[in-house]
């Protein structure tokens, strides 16, 4: 028989059973973790460390003469992210539900700081805060999390309390207002890629909440009108417009705006079935693909690990999404379902956009590949998301 604290109270308690019995008890946290989800995310980060190392070990202009510079930092970022995941599980998504107003306020303040002299421009996007010691933060990554938590809190409040079957129109409108504010600030940077991800997150959250289809159709229509208006009013920077032009016509300027995409496709195409071998890719060692450790890291997999290695990354991403879908489906509270659905929409779209832009089927949007690309803030954010998914699973009622 098990006690409510997760430890056995019949011969396997803290005094008699020892740590192993406590950890392996039927209702212990360790037993309830989604291990396929955790192992898949870890495997992606491990593969990512090899790809980042291959992409940067010979780039002395980036690695300060140390071929292990980016490998060490990527491993450090992964370790910090893993610790944040553990902290998130320990706190629990229900505890964080009560802290949403504070977390939301902090995320809005951080994105506003980007628009001050503290903000920095990296790779054309004024979306960063330099914190010193070679480290920088991209607050928009944390905004993705707070939008998910904030909208889930508002949309699920009366449903989980039993007062409603589905969120009413007023609640949906309030939740959209909560999301629009930080999205508008991020758009001013401008960071179009992050705004695209946030828009998909909002749609995923509303679909999971059971909101009226009129809201979904209205938002899609508003998105189309907004995209046209942003272009017509000249709110996009020239480099962003050029990226879309290069996507529409890759041969428009092969030595300029179309260079990244063309070189990426050459790298992936040269890998064949099994690849050229790790550290042996001519496109990678020749440094022909820009930003190969971040936005274009998938090209290293395609060239050096081939179709099989790139397929492994897709398989692992698929397992992450599959387990997240299972968690969303099996939780008994709408709040947990919405949070999981927002994370699914985030991971699925960002992975599709990142891989798609390397293949030339999506425009270049400056989005990292979850768990794989080099980057501190993005790594922290995705591991916090894994912590939220694990918390939803751990805190669900036990079934036979």
Foldseek 3Di string as FASTA:
>chain_A
DPDPVQFRPPQCHCVGNHDVRSCPRPQHLNNLFPVLLVVLLVVQLVQLLLLLLLLQLQPCVPQVNHSCRLSVQSVVLLVVLLVLLVVLLVCFLVNVLVVLVVLLVVLLVVLVCLVPPQFDDDPRFRQWGDPDPPAIARSLLSLLQSLLSQLLSQFQVCCLVVNDVARDPVSLVVSVVSLVSSLVSCCQSPQVLSNVLSLLLSLLLCVLRPHDVVVNVVSVVVVVVVVVVCVVVVSDDPLVVLLVVCLVPLVPCCPPSNVQLVLLQVLLVQQAAAAPARSRGCSSSVVSHPLCQWLVSLSSCSHHGNPVSSVSSVVSLVSNLVLLCVLLVPAPGSSLVSLSSSLSSNLVVLQCQSVCSSNSNHGDRRGGNQSNHRDNNSPSSNSNSSSNSRSSSSPGDDDD
